[in-house]
Amino acid sequence: MENMRAPRAKFERIYIISPLKVAIVLLTSLHTFFVLISFLTSFWIETQSGNYGPLFRCEKPFHLKSYIVSPIDMKCYFGGFIYDIYLFKIPLIVLLIILSFILSIISIIASSLSFLKQSPSIRHRYWLYTISLLLFICLIDCFILVFIPLIYYHQIYEFRWGYGIHCGGTLFIFVSLLSSILTHNTDDVQYIEEIEK
């Protein structure tokens, strides 16, 4: 009688990038895009005298004639928020937004490098760099969102769509931060079972 042997299981080790980590990179990229758009507009806060943003402000001069306010064409120029704090002759909010933008680019590069490296320890280290950068970005963006209403507390103002876009970018980076923390211990290496002939 012929000797029959059952086939033995063989496991192949493969590296698969987590879809959640790819989504984190996409959310960070959206944050970078939103920050760039909001940085280049003056529609963050609207007061009775005009619209104000990080770089530009558009003010509308008024002429009072018999208690009727008739606005003239709005004039736009560099200057940004009126009551901003200046550091080295540069507005604080401008510096913070530029820093947030640069850190977002660096975090995208760090997370992409974690996908390319083969060593688990190096991948884990790059992902920790990504988490740290996302934390700093989130803190910077939250500070901006709180600081702007504080410097205009003595005026009547309305938030405009530039402020809303920055809020959306902050929400994206906050979700990215939480997701990156939850996935920092997940192993992207999987084992697929094969039947040895």
N, C-alpha and C. Protein backbone atom coordinates (compact mmCIF):
# COMPACT_ATOMS: atom_id res chain seq x y z
N MET A 1 0.85 -1.19 0.00
CA MET A 1 0.00 0.00 0.00
C MET A 1 0.89 1.25 0.00
N GLU A 2 0.56 2.17 -0.87
CA GLU A 2 1.40 3.37 -1.03
C GLU A 2 1.24 4.29 0.17
N ASN A 3 2.37 4.82 0.63
CA ASN A 3 2.37 5.72 1.80
C ASN A 3 1.81 7.09 1.40
N MET A 4 0.73 7.48 2.06
CA MET A 4 0.07 8.75 1.76
C MET A 4 0.42 9.76 2.85
N ARG A 5 0.87 10.98 2.45
CA ARG A 5 1.18 12.06 3.40
C ARG A 5 0.26 13.25 3.14
N ALA A 6 -0.24 13.79 4.20
CA ALA A 6 -1.09 14.98 4.07
C ALA A 6 -0.21 16.18 3.73
N PRO A 7 -0.68 17.07 2.88
CA PRO A 7 0.11 18.26 2.54
C PRO A 7 0.32 19.16 3.76
N ARG A 8 1.51 19.70 3.88
CA ARG A 8 1.83 20.57 5.00
C ARG A 8 1.52 22.03 4.66
N ALA A 9 1.09 22.75 5.69
CA ALA A 9 0.77 24.18 5.49
C ALA A 9 2.05 24.99 5.46
N LYS A 10 2.09 25.93 4.56
CA LYS A 10 3.24 26.81 4.41
C LYS A 10 2.74 28.25 4.49
N PHE A 11 3.42 29.07 5.27
CA PHE A 11 3.00 30.46 5.46
C PHE A 11 4.00 31.39 4.77
N GLU A 12 3.46 32.28 3.99
CA GLU A 12 4.29 33.27 3.31
C GLU A 12 4.11 34.63 3.98
N ARG A 13 5.20 35.28 4.31
CA ARG A 13 5.18 36.58 5.00
C ARG A 13 5.16 37.68 3.96
N ILE A 14 4.11 38.51 3.99
CA ILE A 14 3.99 39.60 3.03
C ILE A 14 3.72 40.90 3.79
N TYR A 15 4.08 42.01 3.18
CA TYR A 15 3.89 43.33 3.77
C TYR A 15 2.77 44.05 3.03
N ILE A 16 1.73 44.44 3.77
CA ILE A 16 0.57 45.10 3.19
C ILE A 16 0.37 46.44 3.89
N ILE A 17 0.24 47.50 3.13
CA ILE A 17 0.00 48.83 3.70
C ILE A 17 -1.45 48.93 4.15
N SER A 18 -1.63 49.36 5.38
CA SER A 18 -2.98 49.48 5.94
C SER A 18 -3.77 50.57 5.21
N PRO A 19 -5.01 50.28 4.78
CA PRO A 19 -5.83 51.32 4.13
C PRO A 19 -6.10 52.52 5.05
N LEU A 20 -6.16 52.27 6.36
CA LEU A 20 -6.39 53.36 7.30
C LEU A 20 -5.21 54.33 7.31
N LYS A 21 -3.99 53.80 7.20
CA LYS A 21 -2.81 54.67 7.16
C LYS A 21 -2.77 55.48 5.87
N VAL A 22 -3.22 54.88 4.78
CA VAL A 22 -3.31 55.63 3.52
C VAL A 22 -4.35 56.75 3.64
N ALA A 23 -5.47 56.45 4.33
CA ALA A 23 -6.49 57.48 4.55
C ALA A 23 -5.95 58.62 5.41
N ILE A 24 -5.08 58.30 6.37
CA ILE A 24 -4.47 59.34 7.21
C ILE A 24 -3.62 60.28 6.36
N VAL A 25 -2.86 59.72 5.44
CA VAL A 25 -2.04 60.55 4.54
C VAL A 25 -2.93 61.42 3.66
N LEU A 26 -4.04 60.87 3.17
CA LEU A 26 -4.96 61.66 2.33
C LEU A 26 -5.61 62.79 3.13
N LEU A 27 -5.99 62.52 4.38
CA LEU A 27 -6.57 63.57 5.21
C LEU A 27 -5.55 64.67 5.51
N THR A 28 -4.31 64.28 5.73
CA THR A 28 -3.26 65.28 5.96
C THR A 28 -3.04 66.12 4.70
N SER A 29 -3.11 65.48 3.53
CA SER A 29 -2.97 66.22 2.28
C SER A 29 -4.13 67.21 2.09
N LEU A 30 -5.34 66.79 2.46
CA LEU A 30 -6.49 67.70 2.39
C LEU A 30 -6.31 68.87 3.34
N HIS A 31 -5.78 68.60 4.52
CA HIS A 31 -5.50 69.68 5.47
C HIS A 31 -4.52 70.69 4.87
N THR A 32 -3.47 70.19 4.23
CA THR A 32 -2.49 71.07 3.61
C THR A 32 -3.13 71.95 2.54
N PHE A 33 -4.00 71.35 1.74
CA PHE A 33 -4.69 72.09 0.69
C PHE A 33 -5.62 73.15 1.29
N PHE A 34 -6.36 72.79 2.32
CA PHE A 34 -7.29 73.73 2.96
C PHE A 34 -6.54 74.88 3.61
N VAL A 35 -5.41 74.59 4.25
CA VAL A 35 -4.62 75.64 4.88
C VAL A 35 -4.10 76.62 3.84
N LEU A 36 -3.66 76.10 2.70
CA LEU A 36 -3.16 76.97 1.63
C LEU A 36 -4.25 77.89 1.11
N ILE A 37 -5.46 77.36 0.91
CA ILE A 37 -6.57 78.18 0.42
C ILE A 37 -6.94 79.26 1.45
N SER A 38 -7.06 78.86 2.70
CA SER A 38 -7.45 79.84 3.72
C SER A 38 -6.37 80.90 3.94
N PHE A 39 -5.11 80.53 3.71
CA PHE A 39 -4.01 81.47 3.90
C PHE A 39 -4.05 82.60 2.88
N LEU A 40 -4.55 82.31 1.68
CA LEU A 40 -4.51 83.27 0.58
C LEU A 40 -5.78 84.10 0.45
N THR A 41 -6.66 84.04 1.45
CA THR A 41 -7.89 84.81 1.35
C THR A 41 -8.01 85.77 2.54
N SER A 42 -8.83 86.79 2.35
CA SER A 42 -9.08 87.74 3.44
C SER A 42 -10.42 87.48 4.11
N PHE A 43 -11.12 86.42 3.71
CA PHE A 43 -12.47 86.18 4.22
C PHE A 43 -12.44 85.26 5.45
N TRP A 44 -11.80 85.73 6.51
CA TRP A 44 -11.79 85.01 7.78
C TRP A 44 -12.78 85.65 8.75
N ILE A 45 -12.64 86.95 8.91
CA ILE A 45 -13.52 87.70 9.83
C ILE A 45 -14.01 88.95 9.11
N GLU A 46 -15.28 89.22 9.26
CA GLU A 46 -15.87 90.42 8.67
C GLU A 46 -16.36 91.33 9.78
N THR A 47 -15.88 92.56 9.76
CA THR A 47 -16.36 93.58 10.69
C THR A 47 -17.07 94.67 9.89
N GLN A 48 -17.46 95.73 10.57
CA GLN A 48 -18.13 96.82 9.87
C GLN A 48 -17.20 97.54 8.90
N SER A 49 -15.89 97.41 9.13
CA SER A 49 -14.95 98.13 8.27
C SER A 49 -14.40 97.29 7.13
N GLY A 50 -14.61 95.96 7.13
CA GLY A 50 -14.11 95.16 6.02
C GLY A 50 -13.87 93.71 6.40
N ASN A 51 -13.16 93.01 5.49
CA ASN A 51 -12.83 91.60 5.68
C ASN A 51 -11.34 91.47 5.99
N TYR A 52 -11.00 90.53 6.87
CA TYR A 52 -9.62 90.39 7.31
C TYR A 52 -9.21 88.92 7.28
N GLY A 53 -7.95 88.71 6.86
CA GLY A 53 -7.36 87.39 6.83
C GLY A 53 -5.91 87.44 7.27
N PRO A 54 -5.18 86.33 7.14
CA PRO A 54 -3.78 86.33 7.59
C PRO A 54 -2.89 87.29 6.81
N LEU A 55 -3.03 87.29 5.47
CA LEU A 55 -2.15 88.11 4.63
C LEU A 55 -2.82 89.39 4.14
N PHE A 56 -4.10 89.29 3.79
CA PHE A 56 -4.77 90.41 3.13
C PHE A 56 -5.92 90.92 3.99
N ARG A 57 -6.24 92.17 3.75
CA ARG A 57 -7.46 92.73 4.31
C ARG A 57 -8.09 93.62 3.26
N CYS A 58 -9.40 93.61 3.23
CA CYS A 58 -10.16 94.42 2.27
C CYS A 58 -11.08 95.33 3.08
N GLU A 59 -10.74 96.61 3.10
CA GLU A 59 -11.50 97.57 3.90
C GLU A 59 -12.37 98.42 2.97
N LYS A 60 -13.52 98.82 3.50
CA LYS A 60 -14.45 99.64 2.72
C LYS A 60 -14.63 100.97 3.43
N PRO A 61 -14.13 102.04 2.85
CA PRO A 61 -14.33 103.36 3.46
C PRO A 61 -15.78 103.80 3.36
N PHE A 62 -16.22 104.60 4.30
CA PHE A 62 -17.61 105.06 4.35
C PHE A 62 -17.67 106.58 4.32
N HIS A 63 -18.75 107.07 3.75
CA HIS A 63 -19.07 108.49 3.81
C HIS A 63 -20.44 108.64 4.45
N LEU A 64 -20.49 109.45 5.47
CA LEU A 64 -21.75 109.66 6.17
C LEU A 64 -22.44 110.91 5.62
N LYS A 65 -23.62 110.72 5.08
CA LYS A 65 -24.40 111.84 4.56
C LYS A 65 -25.83 111.68 5.05
N SER A 66 -26.23 112.59 5.91
CA SER A 66 -27.59 112.61 6.46
C SER A 66 -28.00 111.23 6.98
N TYR A 67 -27.12 110.66 7.83
CA TYR A 67 -27.39 109.39 8.50
C TYR A 67 -27.53 108.21 7.54
N ILE A 68 -27.09 108.37 6.33
CA ILE A 68 -27.13 107.26 5.37
C ILE A 68 -25.69 106.84 5.09
N VAL A 69 -25.40 105.55 5.24
CA VAL A 69 -24.06 105.03 5.00
C VAL A 69 -23.98 104.53 3.57
N SER A 70 -23.08 105.12 2.79
CA SER A 70 -22.93 104.69 1.40
C SER A 70 -21.49 104.22 1.18
N PRO A 71 -21.27 102.92 1.06
CA PRO A 71 -19.90 102.42 0.90
C PRO A 71 -19.32 102.69 -0.47
N ILE A 72 -18.02 102.94 -0.51
CA ILE A 72 -17.30 103.08 -1.77
C ILE A 72 -16.67 101.73 -2.07
N ASP A 73 -16.04 101.58 -3.22
CA ASP A 73 -15.42 100.32 -3.59
C ASP A 73 -14.42 99.89 -2.52
N MET A 74 -14.39 98.58 -2.27
CA MET A 74 -13.52 98.02 -1.25
C MET A 74 -12.08 98.02 -1.74
N LYS A 75 -11.16 98.38 -0.87
CA LYS A 75 -9.73 98.41 -1.20
C LYS A 75 -9.03 97.28 -0.47
N CYS A 76 -8.29 96.47 -1.20
CA CYS A 76 -7.60 95.31 -0.63
C CYS A 76 -6.09 95.53 -0.71
N TYR A 77 -5.40 95.13 0.34
CA TYR A 77 -3.95 95.29 0.38
C TYR A 77 -3.38 94.35 1.44
N PHE A 78 -2.05 94.26 1.45
CA PHE A 78 -1.39 93.44 2.46
C PHE A 78 -1.58 94.07 3.83
N GLY A 79 -1.63 93.22 4.82
CA GLY A 79 -1.76 93.72 6.17
C GLY A 79 -2.41 92.72 7.09
N GLY A 80 -3.37 91.97 6.58
CA GLY A 80 -3.99 90.92 7.38
C GLY A 80 -4.78 91.46 8.55
N PHE A 81 -4.82 90.68 9.63
CA PHE A 81 -5.59 91.05 10.81
C PHE A 81 -5.01 92.31 11.45
N ILE A 82 -5.89 93.19 11.87
CA ILE A 82 -5.45 94.49 12.42
C ILE A 82 -4.72 94.32 13.74
N TYR A 83 -5.26 93.49 14.63
CA TYR A 83 -4.75 93.41 16.00
C TYR A 83 -3.81 92.23 16.22
N ASP A 84 -3.23 91.73 15.14
CA ASP A 84 -2.32 90.59 15.25
C ASP A 84 -1.03 90.99 15.98
N ILE A 85 -0.38 90.02 16.58
CA ILE A 85 0.90 90.25 17.27
C ILE A 85 2.02 90.04 16.25
N TYR A 86 3.00 90.93 16.25
CA TYR A 86 4.09 90.85 15.29
C TYR A 86 5.34 90.30 15.96
N LEU A 87 5.94 89.29 15.33
CA LEU A 87 7.21 88.73 15.76
C LEU A 87 8.22 88.94 14.64
N PHE A 88 9.26 89.71 14.94
CA PHE A 88 10.27 90.04 13.92
C PHE A 88 9.62 90.66 12.69
N LYS A 89 8.64 91.54 12.93
CA LYS A 89 7.92 92.27 11.88
C LYS A 89 7.08 91.36 10.99
N ILE A 90 6.79 90.14 11.46
CA ILE A 90 5.93 89.21 10.74
C ILE A 90 4.75 88.88 11.65
N PRO A 91 3.52 88.91 11.12
CA PRO A 91 2.35 88.60 11.96
C PRO A 91 2.43 87.18 12.52
N LEU A 92 2.01 87.02 13.75
CA LEU A 92 2.07 85.73 14.43
C LEU A 92 1.24 84.67 13.71
N ILE A 93 0.03 85.05 13.27
CA ILE A 93 -0.84 84.07 12.61
C ILE A 93 -0.23 83.61 11.29
N VAL A 94 0.42 84.51 10.58
CA VAL A 94 1.10 84.13 9.34
C VAL A 94 2.20 83.11 9.62
N LEU A 95 2.99 83.36 10.66
CA LEU A 95 4.06 82.42 11.02
C LEU A 95 3.49 81.06 11.40
N LEU A 96 2.40 81.05 12.17
CA LEU A 96 1.82 79.79 12.61
C LEU A 96 1.22 79.00 11.45
N ILE A 97 0.57 79.70 10.52
CA ILE A 97 -0.02 78.99 9.37
C ILE A 97 1.07 78.42 8.47
N ILE A 98 2.14 79.18 8.26
CA ILE A 98 3.26 78.67 7.46
C ILE A 98 3.89 77.47 8.15
N LEU A 99 4.04 77.54 9.47
CA LEU A 99 4.60 76.41 10.22
C LEU A 99 3.69 75.19 10.13
N SER A 100 2.39 75.40 10.23
CA SER A 100 1.44 74.29 10.09
C SER A 100 1.53 73.66 8.70
N PHE A 101 1.66 74.49 7.68
CA PHE A 101 1.77 73.99 6.31
C PHE A 101 3.05 73.17 6.12
N ILE A 102 4.16 73.67 6.62
CA ILE A 102 5.44 72.97 6.47
C ILE A 102 5.43 71.65 7.24
N LEU A 103 4.91 71.67 8.47
CA LEU A 103 4.86 70.44 9.26
C LEU A 103 3.93 69.41 8.62
N SER A 104 2.87 69.86 7.95
CA SER A 104 1.99 68.93 7.24
C SER A 104 2.74 68.23 6.11
N ILE A 105 3.52 68.99 5.35
CA ILE A 105 4.31 68.39 4.27
C ILE A 105 5.31 67.37 4.84
N ILE A 106 5.98 67.73 5.93
CA ILE A 106 6.96 66.83 6.53
C ILE A 106 6.28 65.57 7.06
N SER A 107 5.09 65.70 7.63
CA SER A 107 4.39 64.52 8.14
C SER A 107 3.96 63.59 7.01
N ILE A 108 3.57 64.17 5.87
CA ILE A 108 3.24 63.34 4.70
C ILE A 108 4.47 62.58 4.23
N ILE A 109 5.62 63.24 4.21
CA ILE A 109 6.86 62.58 3.80
C ILE A 109 7.24 61.47 4.79
N ALA A 110 7.12 61.76 6.10
CA ALA A 110 7.47 60.77 7.12
C ALA A 110 6.57 59.55 7.05
N SER A 111 5.27 59.77 6.88
CA SER A 111 4.36 58.63 6.78
C SER A 111 4.58 57.84 5.51
N SER A 112 4.91 58.53 4.42
CA SER A 112 5.21 57.81 3.16
C SER A 112 6.48 56.98 3.30
N LEU A 113 7.47 57.51 4.02
CA LEU A 113 8.69 56.74 4.25
C LEU A 113 8.42 55.51 5.11
N SER A 114 7.47 55.61 6.04
CA SER A 114 7.13 54.44 6.85
C SER A 114 6.50 53.34 6.00
N PHE A 115 5.88 53.71 4.88
CA PHE A 115 5.33 52.69 3.99
C PHE A 115 6.42 51.98 3.19
N LEU A 116 7.50 52.70 2.89
CA LEU A 116 8.52 52.16 2.00
C LEU A 116 9.57 51.32 2.70
N LYS A 117 9.77 51.55 4.00
CA LYS A 117 10.82 50.83 4.71
C LYS A 117 10.40 49.39 4.99
N GLN A 118 11.37 48.47 4.91
CA GLN A 118 11.10 47.06 5.13
C GLN A 118 11.24 46.65 6.59
N SER A 119 12.11 47.33 7.33
CA SER A 119 12.34 46.98 8.73
C SER A 119 11.16 47.45 9.59
N PRO A 120 10.58 46.56 10.41
CA PRO A 120 9.45 46.97 11.27
C PRO A 120 9.82 48.08 12.26
N SER A 121 11.04 48.02 12.81
CA SER A 121 11.44 49.05 13.78
C SER A 121 11.55 50.42 13.12
N ILE A 122 12.07 50.47 11.90
CA ILE A 122 12.19 51.75 11.18
C ILE A 122 10.82 52.27 10.80
N ARG A 123 9.93 51.38 10.37
CA ARG A 123 8.56 51.80 10.04
C ARG A 123 7.86 52.36 11.26
N HIS A 124 8.06 51.68 12.40
CA HIS A 124 7.43 52.15 13.64
C HIS A 124 7.99 53.51 14.05
N ARG A 125 9.29 53.71 13.88
CA ARG A 125 9.91 54.98 14.24
C ARG A 125 9.39 56.12 13.37
N TYR A 126 9.27 55.89 12.07
CA TYR A 126 8.74 56.93 11.18
C TYR A 126 7.28 57.23 11.51
N TRP A 127 6.54 56.21 11.91
CA TRP A 127 5.14 56.46 12.24
C TRP A 127 5.02 57.26 13.53
N LEU A 128 5.93 57.05 14.48
CA LEU A 128 5.95 57.88 15.69
C LEU A 128 6.30 59.33 15.35
N TYR A 129 7.20 59.53 14.40
CA TYR A 129 7.49 60.89 13.92
C TYR A 129 6.22 61.52 13.35
N THR A 130 5.47 60.74 12.60
CA THR A 130 4.23 61.24 12.00
C THR A 130 3.24 61.66 13.07
N ILE A 131 3.09 60.84 14.11
CA ILE A 131 2.17 61.17 15.20
C ILE A 131 2.60 62.46 15.90
N SER A 132 3.89 62.61 16.15
CA SER A 132 4.39 63.83 16.81
C SER A 132 4.11 65.06 15.97
N LEU A 133 4.35 64.96 14.67
CA LEU A 133 4.11 66.10 13.78
C LEU A 133 2.63 66.44 13.72
N LEU A 134 1.77 65.42 13.64
CA LEU A 134 0.33 65.68 13.60
C LEU A 134 -0.15 66.33 14.89
N LEU A 135 0.45 65.96 16.02
CA LEU A 135 0.09 66.57 17.29
C LEU A 135 0.44 68.06 17.30
N PHE A 136 1.64 68.41 16.84
CA PHE A 136 2.04 69.81 16.78
C PHE A 136 1.14 70.60 15.83
N ILE A 137 0.81 70.02 14.69
CA ILE A 137 -0.05 70.70 13.72
C ILE A 137 -1.43 70.96 14.32
N CYS A 138 -1.96 69.96 15.00
CA CYS A 138 -3.29 70.10 15.62
C CYS A 138 -3.28 71.19 16.68
N LEU A 139 -2.23 71.25 17.49
CA LEU A 139 -2.14 72.30 18.52
C LEU A 139 -2.02 73.69 17.90
N ILE A 140 -1.23 73.80 16.83
CA ILE A 140 -1.07 75.09 16.15
C ILE A 140 -2.39 75.55 15.56
N ASP A 141 -3.10 74.66 14.87
CA ASP A 141 -4.36 75.04 14.24
C ASP A 141 -5.42 75.41 15.27
N CYS A 142 -5.48 74.66 16.36
CA CYS A 142 -6.45 74.99 17.42
C CYS A 142 -6.13 76.34 18.05
N PHE A 143 -4.84 76.63 18.24
CA PHE A 143 -4.46 77.93 18.79
C PHE A 143 -4.90 79.06 17.86
N ILE A 144 -4.73 78.87 16.56
CA ILE A 144 -5.14 79.90 15.60
C ILE A 144 -6.64 80.15 15.69
N LEU A 145 -7.42 79.05 15.75
CA LEU A 145 -8.88 79.18 15.78
C LEU A 145 -9.37 79.87 17.05
N VAL A 146 -8.64 79.73 18.15
CA VAL A 146 -9.02 80.39 19.40
C VAL A 146 -8.47 81.81 19.47
N PHE A 147 -7.28 82.02 18.92
CA PHE A 147 -6.60 83.31 19.04
C PHE A 147 -7.30 84.40 18.23
N ILE A 148 -7.80 84.06 17.06
CA ILE A 148 -8.43 85.07 16.19
C ILE A 148 -9.67 85.69 16.84
N PRO A 149 -10.61 84.91 17.38
CA PRO A 149 -11.74 85.57 18.08
C PRO A 149 -11.31 86.39 19.29
N LEU A 150 -10.23 85.98 19.96
CA LEU A 150 -9.78 86.71 21.14
C LEU A 150 -9.26 88.10 20.79
N ILE A 151 -8.56 88.23 19.66
CA ILE A 151 -8.02 89.54 19.32
C ILE A 151 -9.08 90.48 18.76
N TYR A 152 -10.26 89.93 18.40
CA TYR A 152 -11.35 90.77 17.91
C TYR A 152 -12.52 90.79 18.89
N TYR A 153 -12.24 90.51 20.17
CA TYR A 153 -13.33 90.39 21.14
C TYR A 153 -14.06 91.71 21.36
N HIS A 154 -13.38 92.83 21.13
CA HIS A 154 -13.97 94.14 21.41
C HIS A 154 -14.74 94.69 20.22
N GLN A 155 -14.84 93.93 19.13
CA GLN A 155 -15.57 94.37 17.95
C GLN A 155 -16.70 93.40 17.63
N ILE A 156 -17.66 93.90 16.90
CA ILE A 156 -18.72 93.03 16.38
C ILE A 156 -18.22 92.44 15.06
N TYR A 157 -18.20 91.14 14.97
CA TYR A 157 -17.65 90.49 13.78
C TYR A 157 -18.46 89.25 13.44
N GLU A 158 -18.24 88.77 12.23
CA GLU A 158 -18.82 87.51 11.77
C GLU A 158 -17.71 86.66 11.16
N PHE A 159 -17.77 85.35 11.38
CA PHE A 159 -16.82 84.46 10.74
C PHE A 159 -17.21 84.26 9.28
N ARG A 160 -16.20 84.23 8.42
CA ARG A 160 -16.45 84.01 6.99
C ARG A 160 -15.92 82.65 6.57
N TRP A 161 -16.00 82.35 5.28
CA TRP A 161 -15.70 81.00 4.80
C TRP A 161 -14.22 80.63 4.93
N GLY A 162 -13.32 81.63 4.96
CA GLY A 162 -11.90 81.32 5.15
C GLY A 162 -11.64 80.71 6.52
N TYR A 163 -12.31 81.24 7.53
CA TYR A 163 -12.21 80.68 8.88
C TYR A 163 -12.81 79.27 8.91
N GLY A 164 -13.92 79.09 8.19
CA GLY A 164 -14.56 77.77 8.12
C GLY A 164 -13.68 76.74 7.44
N ILE A 165 -12.97 77.15 6.38
CA ILE A 165 -12.06 76.23 5.70
C ILE A 165 -10.93 75.81 6.64
N HIS A 166 -10.43 76.76 7.41
CA HIS A 166 -9.38 76.41 8.36
C HIS A 166 -9.92 75.49 9.46
N CYS A 167 -11.17 75.68 9.85
CA CYS A 167 -11.80 74.76 10.81
C CYS A 167 -11.89 73.36 10.21
N GLY A 168 -12.26 73.28 8.94
CA GLY A 168 -12.32 71.97 8.27
C GLY A 168 -10.96 71.29 8.21
N GLY A 169 -9.91 72.07 7.89
CA GLY A 169 -8.56 71.51 7.88
C GLY A 169 -8.12 71.04 9.25
N THR A 170 -8.51 71.79 10.30
CA THR A 170 -8.19 71.37 11.67
C THR A 170 -8.91 70.08 12.02
N LEU A 171 -10.15 69.94 11.58
CA LEU A 171 -10.89 68.69 11.82
C LEU A 171 -10.22 67.51 11.13
N PHE A 172 -9.76 67.72 9.89
CA PHE A 172 -9.05 66.66 9.18
C PHE A 172 -7.80 66.22 9.93
N ILE A 173 -7.04 67.18 10.41
CA ILE A 173 -5.78 66.83 11.08
C ILE A 173 -6.06 66.20 12.44
N PHE A 174 -7.16 66.57 13.08
CA PHE A 174 -7.52 65.95 14.36
C PHE A 174 -7.90 64.49 14.16
N VAL A 175 -8.69 64.20 13.13
CA VAL A 175 -9.05 62.82 12.81
C VAL A 175 -7.80 62.02 12.43
N SER A 176 -6.89 62.63 11.68
CA SER A 176 -5.64 61.96 11.31
C SER A 176 -4.82 61.62 12.55
N LEU A 177 -4.77 62.56 13.51
CA LEU A 177 -4.01 62.32 14.73
C LEU A 177 -4.59 61.15 15.52
N LEU A 178 -5.91 61.15 15.72
CA LEU A 178 -6.52 60.05 16.46
C LEU A 178 -6.32 58.72 15.76
N SER A 179 -6.50 58.71 14.45
CA SER A 179 -6.34 57.45 13.70
C SER A 179 -4.89 56.96 13.74
N SER A 180 -3.93 57.89 13.64
CA SER A 180 -2.53 57.48 13.67
C SER A 180 -2.13 56.93 15.04
N ILE A 181 -2.72 57.48 16.11
CA ILE A 181 -2.45 56.95 17.45
C ILE A 181 -3.03 55.54 17.60
N LEU A 182 -4.24 55.34 17.08
CA LEU A 182 -4.89 54.04 17.20
C LEU A 182 -4.18 52.96 16.37
N THR A 183 -3.51 53.36 15.30
CA THR A 183 -2.89 52.37 14.41
C THR A 183 -1.38 52.25 14.60
N HIS A 184 -0.81 52.91 15.61
CA HIS A 184 0.66 52.92 15.70
C HIS A 184 1.22 51.57 16.12
N ASN A 185 0.40 50.71 16.74
CA ASN A 185 0.88 49.39 17.14
C ASN A 185 0.44 48.26 16.20
N THR A 186 -0.30 48.60 15.17
CA THR A 186 -0.75 47.57 14.24
C THR A 186 0.39 47.12 13.35
N ASP A 187 0.48 45.83 13.13
CA ASP A 187 1.53 45.26 12.29
C ASP A 187 1.02 45.14 10.86
N ASP A 188 1.75 45.72 9.94
CA ASP A 188 1.35 45.67 8.54
C ASP A 188 1.81 44.39 7.85
N VAL A 189 2.49 43.53 8.57
CA VAL A 189 2.94 42.26 8.00
C VAL A 189 1.87 41.22 8.21
N GLN A 190 1.48 40.56 7.16
CA GLN A 190 0.48 39.50 7.23
C GLN A 190 1.07 38.20 6.72
N TYR A 191 0.48 37.10 7.14
CA TYR A 191 0.92 35.77 6.74
C TYR A 191 -0.20 35.08 5.97
N ILE A 192 0.14 34.66 4.78
CA ILE A 192 -0.84 33.97 3.92
C ILE A 192 -0.48 32.49 3.88
N GLU A 193 -1.48 31.68 4.10
CA GLU A 193 -1.26 30.24 4.14
C GLU A 193 -1.28 29.65 2.74
N GLU A 194 -0.27 28.86 2.44
CA GLU A 194 -0.20 28.15 1.17
C GLU A 194 -0.06 26.67 1.44
N ILE A 195 -0.52 25.85 0.51
CA ILE A 195 -0.40 24.39 0.64
C ILE A 195 0.85 23.95 -0.08
N GLU A 196 1.74 23.33 0.67
CA GLU A 196 2.98 22.85 0.07
C GLU A 196 2.70 21.56 -0.71
N LYS A 197 3.13 21.51 -1.94
CA LYS A 197 2.88 20.33 -2.77
C LYS A 197 3.84 19.22 -2.39
